[in-house]
Amino acid sequence: MTAGGLIISNMYIDMHTHIGETPEFHFFDISLKTFLKKMDSLNISYAINTHMDNLTGINYIATAEECLRIYEESGGRVMSYFIFNPHMPKECIEIINKYAGNYVFRGIKIHPSIHRTYADDDLYEPVYITAREYNLPILTHSWCISPHNDTQKYSVPGLFEKHAKKYSDVILILGHSGGRSEGIREAARMASHYPNVYLDTSGDVYPLGFIESLVNEATAEKIMFGSDAMWICPSTQIGMIKGAEISQTDKDKILHVNARRIFGI
């Protein structure tokens, strides 16, 4: 079975990536050409991108068009998320309404920390309603309370419980699996308790046994490979997953099977 000439049974899908720049990180090369070369070297068949200009800016129309261009230039390998800014709901929903059903856009990204809006705020109601209408999964930043970054308080996993309960038919993916320590434990608890809550592996957390602990708590069916590229090299998460003491079947679920199902790839 193939898609775009690629063998599905042997694919990796990186469902948490970024294209574009941000002053918070130093980049050596963020060109699409280099990203595709890295994908090839690591056997990553598809990626789903949150464009940084879309996440941190307000020019949603131009950035959506850029995502369409990226999809075409990548030969259909780099898809994208819509973005929802709770302070600009009308503009964001208009873009979703315009492009919903276009294969390029596979979900919606929210980032309570960047937008400084607590994840349980009613300002997020429109995005859950829209996600339900179009059957789009929501990917969110999630993290634990941090003494180094006060904005993480907006994204602690427990704050998402309100909407996860209310919108049980909307898939919610806790990006970074809660970040660190208590956040990881709380995210895993939620994924094990709520059928619509999932986790991804992206971020800069690499403790020994991380993948095994998520599988033991939430099961492999609830975990997806994400890297946070281009900020972080995808090889780190692939290495953790492939080197984890779990079955090959569970590794396949994390690396591609679950994402194929959730995103319709």
C-alpha atoms as a PDB file:
ATOM      1  CA  MET A   1       0.000   0.000   0.000  1.00  0.00           C
ATOM      2  CA  THR A   2       1.456   3.347  -1.035  1.00  0.00           C
ATOM      3  CA  ALA A   3       0.720   7.083  -0.817  1.00  0.00           C
ATOM      4  CA  GLY A   4       2.483   9.487  -3.144  1.00  0.00           C
ATOM      5  CA  GLY A   5       4.902   6.703  -4.060  1.00  0.00           C
ATOM      6  CA  LEU A   6       5.905   6.191  -0.408  1.00  0.00           C
ATOM      7  CA  ILE A   7       5.498   2.859   1.358  1.00  0.00           C
ATOM      8  CA  ILE A   8       2.976   3.424   4.132  1.00  0.00           C
ATOM      9  CA  SER A   9       3.976   0.340   6.115  1.00  0.00           C
ATOM     10  CA  ASN A  10       7.463   1.775   6.560  1.00  0.00           C
ATOM     11  CA  MET A  11       6.705   5.458   7.127  1.00  0.00           C
ATOM     12  CA  TYR A  12       7.321   7.788  10.028  1.00  0.00           C
ATOM     13  CA  ILE A  13       4.974  10.729  10.500  1.00  0.00           C
ATOM     14  CA  ASP A  14       6.232  13.752  12.426  1.00  0.00           C
ATOM     15  CA  MET A  15       3.014  15.412  13.567  1.00  0.00           C
ATOM     16  CA  HIS A  16       4.565  18.319  15.513  1.00  0.00           C
ATOM     17  CA  THR A  17       6.900  20.503  13.471  1.00  0.00           C
ATOM     18  CA  HIS A  18       7.434  24.211  12.777  1.00  0.00           C
ATOM     19  CA  ILE A  19       8.475  26.208   9.745  1.00  0.00           C
ATOM     20  CA  GLY A  20       9.480  29.828  10.166  1.00  0.00           C
ATOM     21  CA  GLU A  21      11.664  31.717  12.625  1.00  0.00           C
ATOM     22  CA  THR A  22      11.283  32.893  16.198  1.00  0.00           C
ATOM     23  CA  PRO A  23      13.724  35.028  18.238  1.00  0.00           C
ATOM     24  CA  GLU A  24      13.587  32.486  21.064  1.00  0.00           C
ATOM     25  CA  PHE A  25      15.770  30.001  19.185  1.00  0.00           C
ATOM     26  CA  HIS A  26      18.935  30.131  17.082  1.00  0.00           C
ATOM     27  CA  PHE A  27      18.595  28.403  13.732  1.00  0.00           C
ATOM     28  CA  PHE A  28      21.356  27.305  11.399  1.00  0.00           C
ATOM     29  CA  ASP A  29      19.152  26.537   8.409  1.00  0.00           C
ATOM     30  CA  ILE A  30      15.349  26.451   8.285  1.00  0.00           C
ATOM     31  CA  SER A  31      14.899  26.085   4.539  1.00  0.00           C
ATOM     32  CA  LEU A  32      12.296  23.654   3.282  1.00  0.00           C
ATOM     33  CA  LYS A  33      14.976  21.994   1.149  1.00  0.00           C
ATOM     34  CA  THR A  34      17.057  21.209   4.249  1.00  0.00           C
ATOM     35  CA  PHE A  35      14.001  20.011   6.175  1.00  0.00           C
ATOM     36  CA  LEU A  36      13.054  17.609   3.386  1.00  0.00           C
ATOM     37  CA  LYS A  37      16.625  16.331   3.207  1.00  0.00           C
ATOM     38  CA  LYS A  38      16.529  15.633   6.953  1.00  0.00           C
ATOM     39  CA  MET A  39      13.158  13.911   6.604  1.00  0.00           C
ATOM     40  CA  ASP A  40      14.611  11.661   3.907  1.00  0.00           C
ATOM     41  CA  SER A  41      17.650  10.794   6.004  1.00  0.00           C
ATOM     42  CA  LEU A  42      15.456   9.753   8.940  1.00  0.00           C
ATOM     43  CA  ASN A  43      12.750   7.924   6.975  1.00  0.00           C
ATOM     44  CA  ILE A  44      10.120  10.560   7.802  1.00  0.00           C
ATOM     45  CA  SER A  45       7.527  10.352   5.073  1.00  0.00           C
ATOM     46  CA  TYR A  46       5.199  13.136   6.212  1.00  0.00           C
ATOM     47  CA  ALA A  47       5.230  16.074   8.604  1.00  0.00           C
ATOM     48  CA  ILE A  48       2.566  18.446   9.889  1.00  0.00           C
ATOM     49  CA  ASN A  49       3.677  22.015  10.389  1.00  0.00           C
ATOM     50  CA  THR A  50       2.603  24.922  12.559  1.00  0.00           C
ATOM     51  CA  HIS A  51       4.012  27.967  10.788  1.00  0.00           C
ATOM     52  CA  MET A  52       5.699  30.295  13.271  1.00  0.00           C
ATOM     53  CA  ASP A  53       4.389  33.390  11.495  1.00  0.00           C
ATOM     54  CA  ASN A  54       0.921  31.963  11.996  1.00  0.00           C
ATOM     55  CA  LEU A  55       1.511  31.159  15.655  1.00  0.00           C
ATOM     56  CA  THR A  56       3.156  34.396  16.760  1.00  0.00           C
ATOM     57  CA  GLY A  57       1.829  36.837  14.147  1.00  0.00           C
ATOM     58  CA  ILE A  58      -1.542  38.012  12.930  1.00  0.00           C
ATOM     59  CA  ASN A  59      -1.267  37.818   9.132  1.00  0.00           C
ATOM     60  CA  TYR A  60      -3.300  34.638   8.901  1.00  0.00           C
ATOM     61  CA  ILE A  61      -4.275  34.915   5.240  1.00  0.00           C
ATOM     62  CA  ALA A  62      -0.707  35.275   3.946  1.00  0.00           C
ATOM     63  CA  THR A  63       0.543  32.490   6.204  1.00  0.00           C
ATOM     64  CA  ALA A  64      -2.221  30.109   5.113  1.00  0.00           C
ATOM     65  CA  GLU A  65      -1.193  30.737   1.520  1.00  0.00           C
ATOM     66  CA  GLU A  66       2.420  30.052   2.497  1.00  0.00           C
ATOM     67  CA  CYS A  67       1.335  26.703   3.964  1.00  0.00           C
ATOM     68  CA  LEU A  68      -0.321  25.862   0.647  1.00  0.00           C
ATOM     69  CA  ARG A  69       2.932  26.688  -1.142  1.00  0.00           C
ATOM     70  CA  ILE A  70       4.968  24.557   1.281  1.00  0.00           C
ATOM     71  CA  TYR A  71       2.654  21.627   0.632  1.00  0.00           C
ATOM     72  CA  GLU A  72       3.087  21.938  -3.116  1.00  0.00           C
ATOM     73  CA  GLU A  73       6.865  22.433  -2.979  1.00  0.00           C
ATOM     74  CA  SER A  74       7.256  19.437  -0.674  1.00  0.00           C
ATOM     75  CA  GLY A  75       5.343  17.183  -3.041  1.00  0.00           C
ATOM     76  CA  GLY A  76       2.535  16.844  -0.504  1.00  0.00           C
ATOM     77  CA  ARG A  77       4.815  15.707   2.312  1.00  0.00           C
ATOM     78  CA  VAL A  78       4.528  18.757   4.601  1.00  0.00           C
ATOM     79  CA  MET A  79       0.989  19.492   5.698  1.00  0.00           C
ATOM     80  CA  SER A  80      -0.082  22.164   8.194  1.00  0.00           C
ATOM     81  CA  TYR A  81      -2.250  23.104  11.135  1.00  0.00           C
ATOM     82  CA  PHE A  82      -4.620  26.003  11.257  1.00  0.00           C
ATOM     83  CA  ILE A  83      -3.930  28.319  14.179  1.00  0.00           C
ATOM     84  CA  PHE A  84      -6.488  29.648  16.650  1.00  0.00           C
ATOM     85  CA  ASN A  85      -5.670  32.803  18.582  1.00  0.00           C
ATOM     86  CA  PRO A  86      -8.343  33.329  21.281  1.00  0.00           C
ATOM     87  CA  HIS A  87      -7.881  37.089  20.972  1.00  0.00           C
ATOM     88  CA  MET A  88      -8.593  37.042  17.235  1.00  0.00           C
ATOM     89  CA  PRO A  89     -11.282  34.360  16.948  1.00  0.00           C
ATOM     90  CA  LYS A  90     -13.151  35.861  13.999  1.00  0.00           C
ATOM     91  CA  GLU A  91     -10.061  36.096  11.795  1.00  0.00           C
ATOM     92  CA  CYS A  92      -8.899  32.578  12.674  1.00  0.00           C
ATOM     93  CA  ILE A  93     -12.297  30.939  12.188  1.00  0.00           C
ATOM     94  CA  GLU A  94     -12.679  32.676   8.811  1.00  0.00           C
ATOM     95  CA  ILE A  95      -9.443  31.041   7.624  1.00  0.00           C
ATOM     96  CA  ILE A  96     -10.577  27.639   8.881  1.00  0.00           C
ATOM     97  CA  ASN A  97     -13.949  28.032   7.167  1.00  0.00           C
ATOM     98  CA  LYS A  98     -12.215  29.022   3.936  1.00  0.00           C
ATOM     99  CA  TYR A  99      -9.781  26.101   3.782  1.00  0.00           C
ATOM    100  CA  ALA A 100     -11.532  23.354   5.758  1.00  0.00           C
ATOM    101  CA  GLY A 101     -11.674  20.253   3.609  1.00  0.00           C
ATOM    102  CA  ASN A 102      -8.406  21.153   1.883  1.00  0.00           C
ATOM    103  CA  TYR A 103      -6.074  18.199   2.428  1.00  0.00           C
ATOM    104  CA  VAL A 104      -3.197  20.550   3.283  1.00  0.00           C
ATOM    105  CA  PHE A 105      -4.690  21.443   6.684  1.00  0.00           C
ATOM    106  CA  ARG A 106      -4.980  18.425   8.988  1.00  0.00           C
ATOM    107  CA  GLY A 107      -5.796  19.997  12.376  1.00  0.00           C
ATOM    108  CA  ILE A 108      -5.856  23.143  14.520  1.00  0.00           C
ATOM    109  CA  LYS A 109      -3.051  24.363  16.790  1.00  0.00           C
ATOM    110  CA  ILE A 110      -3.593  26.350  19.982  1.00  0.00           C
ATOM    111  CA  HIS A 111      -0.863  27.726  22.242  1.00  0.00           C
ATOM    112  CA  PRO A 112      -2.180  29.135  25.536  1.00  0.00           C
ATOM    113  CA  SER A 113       1.308  30.184  26.660  1.00  0.00           C
ATOM    114  CA  ILE A 114       2.098  32.269  23.579  1.00  0.00           C
ATOM    115  CA  HIS A 115      -1.375  33.816  23.612  1.00  0.00           C
ATOM    116  CA  ARG A 116      -1.326  34.210  27.408  1.00  0.00           C
ATOM    117  CA  THR A 117      -4.795  32.786  27.881  1.00  0.00           C
ATOM    118  CA  TYR A 118      -5.476  30.011  30.381  1.00  0.00           C
ATOM    119  CA  ALA A 119      -6.406  26.797  28.604  1.00  0.00           C
ATOM    120  CA  ASP A 120      -9.704  26.511  30.461  1.00  0.00           C
ATOM    121  CA  ASP A 121     -10.844  30.013  29.426  1.00  0.00           C
ATOM    122  CA  ASP A 122     -14.176  30.260  27.600  1.00  0.00           C
ATOM    123  CA  LEU A 123     -12.351  32.173  24.869  1.00  0.00           C
ATOM    124  CA  TYR A 124     -11.396  28.736  23.519  1.00  0.00           C
ATOM    125  CA  GLU A 125     -15.012  27.661  23.035  1.00  0.00           C
ATOM    126  CA  PRO A 126     -15.078  28.687  19.329  1.00  0.00           C
ATOM    127  CA  VAL A 127     -12.128  26.495  18.413  1.00  0.00           C
ATOM    128  CA  TYR A 128     -13.642  23.380  19.974  1.00  0.00           C
ATOM    129  CA  ILE A 129     -16.963  24.066  18.276  1.00  0.00           C
ATOM    130  CA  THR A 130     -15.203  24.542  14.940  1.00  0.00           C
ATOM    131  CA  ALA A 131     -13.013  21.474  15.409  1.00  0.00           C
ATOM    132  CA  ARG A 132     -16.125  19.425  16.078  1.00  0.00           C
ATOM    133  CA  GLU A 133     -17.848  20.847  12.990  1.00  0.00           C
ATOM    134  CA  TYR A 134     -14.992  19.923  10.668  1.00  0.00           C
ATOM    135  CA  ASN A 135     -13.785  16.823  12.525  1.00  0.00           C
ATOM    136  CA  LEU A 136     -10.327  18.324  13.040  1.00  0.00           C
ATOM    137  CA  PRO A 137      -7.996  17.284  15.882  1.00  0.00           C
ATOM    138  CA  ILE A 138      -6.625  20.038  18.110  1.00  0.00           C
ATOM    139  CA  LEU A 139      -2.918  20.064  18.948  1.00  0.00           C
ATOM    140  CA  THR A 140      -1.977  22.199  21.927  1.00  0.00           C
ATOM    141  CA  HIS A 141       1.169  23.229  23.698  1.00  0.00           C
ATOM    142  CA  SER A 142       1.161  21.776  27.212  1.00  0.00           C
ATOM    143  CA  TRP A 143       3.754  22.153  29.943  1.00  0.00           C
ATOM    144  CA  CYS A 144       4.219  22.178  33.693  1.00  0.00           C
ATOM    145  CA  ILE A 145       4.645  25.197  35.946  1.00  0.00           C
ATOM    146  CA  SER A 146       8.139  26.551  35.272  1.00  0.00           C
ATOM    147  CA  PRO A 147      10.301  28.805  37.451  1.00  0.00           C
ATOM    148  CA  HIS A 148      12.094  29.865  34.264  1.00  0.00           C
ATOM    149  CA  ASN A 149       9.065  30.683  32.100  1.00  0.00           C
ATOM    150  CA  ASP A 150       6.017  32.125  33.804  1.00  0.00           C
ATOM    151  CA  THR A 151       3.845  31.783  30.692  1.00  0.00           C
ATOM    152  CA  GLN A 152       3.794  27.987  31.088  1.00  0.00           C
ATOM    153  CA  LYS A 153       1.136  28.476  33.772  1.00  0.00           C
ATOM    154  CA  TYR A 154      -1.417  29.007  30.987  1.00  0.00           C
ATOM    155  CA  SER A 155      -0.797  25.529  29.552  1.00  0.00           C
ATOM    156  CA  VAL A 156      -0.601  23.077  32.458  1.00  0.00           C
ATOM    157  CA  PRO A 157      -2.358  19.840  31.458  1.00  0.00           C
ATOM    158  CA  GLY A 158      -5.090  19.956  34.083  1.00  0.00           C
ATOM    159  CA  LEU A 159      -6.474  23.170  32.591  1.00  0.00           C
ATOM    160  CA  PHE A 160      -7.454  21.292  29.428  1.00  0.00           C
ATOM    161  CA  GLU A 161      -9.695  18.898  31.338  1.00  0.00           C
ATOM    162  CA  LYS A 162     -12.690  21.257  31.203  1.00  0.00           C
ATOM    163  CA  HIS A 163     -12.870  21.261  27.411  1.00  0.00           C
ATOM    164  CA  ALA A 164     -11.780  17.622  27.067  1.00  0.00           C
ATOM    165  CA  LYS A 165     -14.852  16.637  29.084  1.00  0.00           C
ATOM    166  CA  LYS A 166     -17.269  19.009  27.354  1.00  0.00           C
ATOM    167  CA  TYR A 167     -16.077  18.213  23.838  1.00  0.00           C
ATOM    168  CA  SER A 168     -15.514  14.493  24.177  1.00  0.00           C
ATOM    169  CA  ASP A 169     -15.911  14.038  20.425  1.00  0.00           C
ATOM    170  CA  VAL A 170     -12.996  16.374  19.656  1.00  0.00           C
ATOM    171  CA  ILE A 171      -9.510  14.845  19.681  1.00  0.00           C
ATOM    172  CA  LEU A 172      -7.147  16.874  21.869  1.00  0.00           C
ATOM    173  CA  ILE A 173      -3.420  16.205  21.616  1.00  0.00           C
ATOM    174  CA  LEU A 174      -1.311  17.434  24.536  1.00  0.00           C
ATOM    175  CA  GLY A 175       1.880  18.487  22.784  1.00  0.00           C
ATOM    176  CA  HIS A 176       5.087  17.712  24.708  1.00  0.00           C
ATOM    177  CA  SER A 177       3.066  15.341  26.938  1.00  0.00           C
ATOM    178  CA  GLY A 178       2.938  18.009  29.633  1.00  0.00           C
ATOM    179  CA  GLY A 179       6.575  19.074  29.440  1.00  0.00           C
ATOM    180  CA  ARG A 180       8.365  17.880  32.554  1.00  0.00           C
ATOM    181  CA  SER A 181       7.859  15.994  35.834  1.00  0.00           C
ATOM    182  CA  GLU A 182       4.389  16.698  37.224  1.00  0.00           C
ATOM    183  CA  GLY A 183       3.159  17.890  33.845  1.00  0.00           C
ATOM    184  CA  ILE A 184       4.063  14.554  32.242  1.00  0.00           C
ATOM    185  CA  ARG A 185       2.316  12.608  34.984  1.00  0.00           C
ATOM    186  CA  GLU A 186      -0.827  14.720  34.677  1.00  0.00           C
ATOM    187  CA  ALA A 187      -0.875  14.520  30.869  1.00  0.00           C
ATOM    188  CA  ALA A 188      -0.475  10.738  30.963  1.00  0.00           C
ATOM    189  CA  ARG A 189      -3.286  10.486  33.512  1.00  0.00           C
ATOM    190  CA  MET A 190      -5.588  12.478  31.263  1.00  0.00           C
ATOM    191  CA  ALA A 191      -4.713  10.390  28.204  1.00  0.00           C
ATOM    192  CA  SER A 192      -5.470   7.216  30.129  1.00  0.00           C
ATOM    193  CA  HIS A 193      -8.777   8.599  31.431  1.00  0.00           C
ATOM    194  CA  TYR A 194     -10.241  10.419  28.424  1.00  0.00           C
ATOM    195  CA  PRO A 195     -10.721   8.560  25.119  1.00  0.00           C
ATOM    196  CA  ASN A 196     -10.244  11.792  23.142  1.00  0.00           C
ATOM    197  CA  VAL A 197      -6.972  12.905  24.788  1.00  0.00           C
ATOM    198  CA  TYR A 198      -3.656  11.986  23.150  1.00  0.00           C
ATOM    199  CA  LEU A 199       0.031  12.786  23.734  1.00  0.00           C
ATOM    200  CA  ASP A 200       3.016  13.564  21.542  1.00  0.00           C
ATOM    201  CA  THR A 201       6.742  13.124  22.148  1.00  0.00           C
ATOM    202  CA  SER A 202       7.949  16.554  20.987  1.00  0.00           C
ATOM    203  CA  GLY A 203      10.130  18.830  23.078  1.00  0.00           C
ATOM    204  CA  ASP A 204      13.459  18.844  24.847  1.00  0.00           C
ATOM    205  CA  VAL A 205      12.767  16.210  27.493  1.00  0.00           C
ATOM    206  CA  TYR A 206      14.778  13.011  27.123  1.00  0.00           C
ATOM    207  CA  PRO A 207      14.840  11.140  30.462  1.00  0.00           C
ATOM    208  CA  LEU A 208      15.604   7.447  30.435  1.00  0.00           C
ATOM    209  CA  GLY A 209      12.334   5.519  30.416  1.00  0.00           C
ATOM    210  CA  PHE A 210      10.220   8.448  29.175  1.00  0.00           C
ATOM    211  CA  ILE A 211       8.551   6.538  26.328  1.00  0.00           C
ATOM    212  CA  GLU A 212       8.103   3.402  28.418  1.00  0.00           C
ATOM    213  CA  SER A 213       6.378   5.369  31.182  1.00  0.00           C
ATOM    214  CA  LEU A 214       3.946   6.974  28.739  1.00  0.00           C
ATOM    215  CA  VAL A 215       3.118   3.598  27.203  1.00  0.00           C
ATOM    216  CA  ASN A 216       2.620   2.008  30.609  1.00  0.00           C
ATOM    217  CA  GLU A 217       0.294   4.771  31.769  1.00  0.00           C
ATOM    218  CA  ALA A 218      -1.584   5.796  28.635  1.00  0.00           C
ATOM    219  CA  THR A 219      -0.936   2.874  26.189  1.00  0.00           C
ATOM    220  CA  ALA A 220       0.828   3.195  22.846  1.00  0.00           C
ATOM    221  CA  GLU A 221      -2.489   3.889  21.080  1.00  0.00           C
ATOM    222  CA  LYS A 222      -2.483   7.350  22.685  1.00  0.00           C
ATOM    223  CA  ILE A 223       1.051   8.494  21.770  1.00  0.00           C
ATOM    224  CA  MET A 224       2.375  10.019  18.538  1.00  0.00           C
ATOM    225  CA  PHE A 225       5.828  10.917  17.311  1.00  0.00           C
ATOM    226  CA  GLY A 226       6.431  14.660  17.181  1.00  0.00           C
ATOM    227  CA  SER A 227       9.809  16.357  17.134  1.00  0.00           C
ATOM    228  CA  ASP A 228       9.392  20.156  17.346  1.00  0.00           C
ATOM    229  CA  ALA A 229      11.571  20.428  14.236  1.00  0.00           C
ATOM    230  CA  MET A 230      13.001  22.714  13.042  1.00  0.00           C
ATOM    231  CA  TRP A 231      13.846  23.789  16.592  1.00  0.00           C
ATOM    232  CA  ILE A 232      14.956  20.281  17.512  1.00  0.00           C
ATOM    233  CA  CYS A 233      16.425  17.571  15.314  1.00  0.00           C
ATOM    234  CA  PRO A 234      13.842  14.785  14.847  1.00  0.00           C
ATOM    235  CA  SER A 235      16.520  12.136  15.379  1.00  0.00           C
ATOM    236  CA  THR A 236      16.304  12.633  19.153  1.00  0.00           C
ATOM    237  CA  GLN A 237      12.688  11.534  19.462  1.00  0.00           C
ATOM    238  CA  ILE A 238      13.074   8.798  16.855  1.00  0.00           C
ATOM    239  CA  GLY A 239      16.013   7.456  18.841  1.00  0.00           C
ATOM    240  CA  MET A 240      14.028   7.445  22.078  1.00  0.00           C
ATOM    241  CA  ILE A 241      11.113   5.642  20.453  1.00  0.00           C
ATOM    242  CA  LYS A 242      13.161   3.069  18.550  1.00  0.00           C
ATOM    243  CA  GLY A 243      15.364   2.432  21.579  1.00  0.00           C
ATOM    244  CA  ALA A 244      12.499   2.124  24.052  1.00  0.00           C
ATOM    245  CA  GLU A 245      11.870  -1.213  25.730  1.00  0.00           C
ATOM    246  CA  ILE A 246       8.450  -1.660  24.153  1.00  0.00           C
ATOM    247  CA  SER A 247       7.194  -3.959  21.419  1.00  0.00           C
ATOM    248  CA  GLN A 248       7.779  -3.240  17.742  1.00  0.00           C
ATOM    249  CA  THR A 249       4.016  -3.037  17.346  1.00  0.00           C
ATOM    250  CA  ASP A 250       3.884  -0.238  19.916  1.00  0.00           C
ATOM    251  CA  LYS A 251       6.794   1.561  18.244  1.00  0.00           C
ATOM    252  CA  ASP A 252       4.943   1.442  14.929  1.00  0.00           C
ATOM    253  CA  LYS A 253       1.820   2.856  16.546  1.00  0.00           C
ATOM    254  CA  ILE A 254       3.786   5.797  17.922  1.00  0.00           C
ATOM    255  CA  LEU A 255       5.852   6.409  14.787  1.00  0.00           C
ATOM    256  CA  HIS A 256       3.067   6.327  12.210  1.00  0.00           C
ATOM    257  CA  VAL A 257      -0.017   4.162  12.793  1.00  0.00           C
ATOM    258  CA  ASN A 258      -1.754   6.489  15.247  1.00  0.00           C
ATOM    259  CA  ALA A 259      -1.068   9.613  13.186  1.00  0.00           C
ATOM    260  CA  ARG A 260      -2.365   7.949  10.040  1.00  0.00           C
ATOM    261  CA  ARG A 261      -5.626   7.278  11.851  1.00  0.00           C
ATOM    262  CA  ILE A 262      -5.981  10.619  13.635  1.00  0.00           C
ATOM    263  CA  PHE A 263      -5.012  12.838  10.695  1.00  0.00           C
ATOM    264  CA  GLY A 264      -6.338  10.727   7.847  1.00  0.00           C
ATOM    265  CA  ILE A 265      -2.971  10.342   6.142  1.00  0.00           C
END
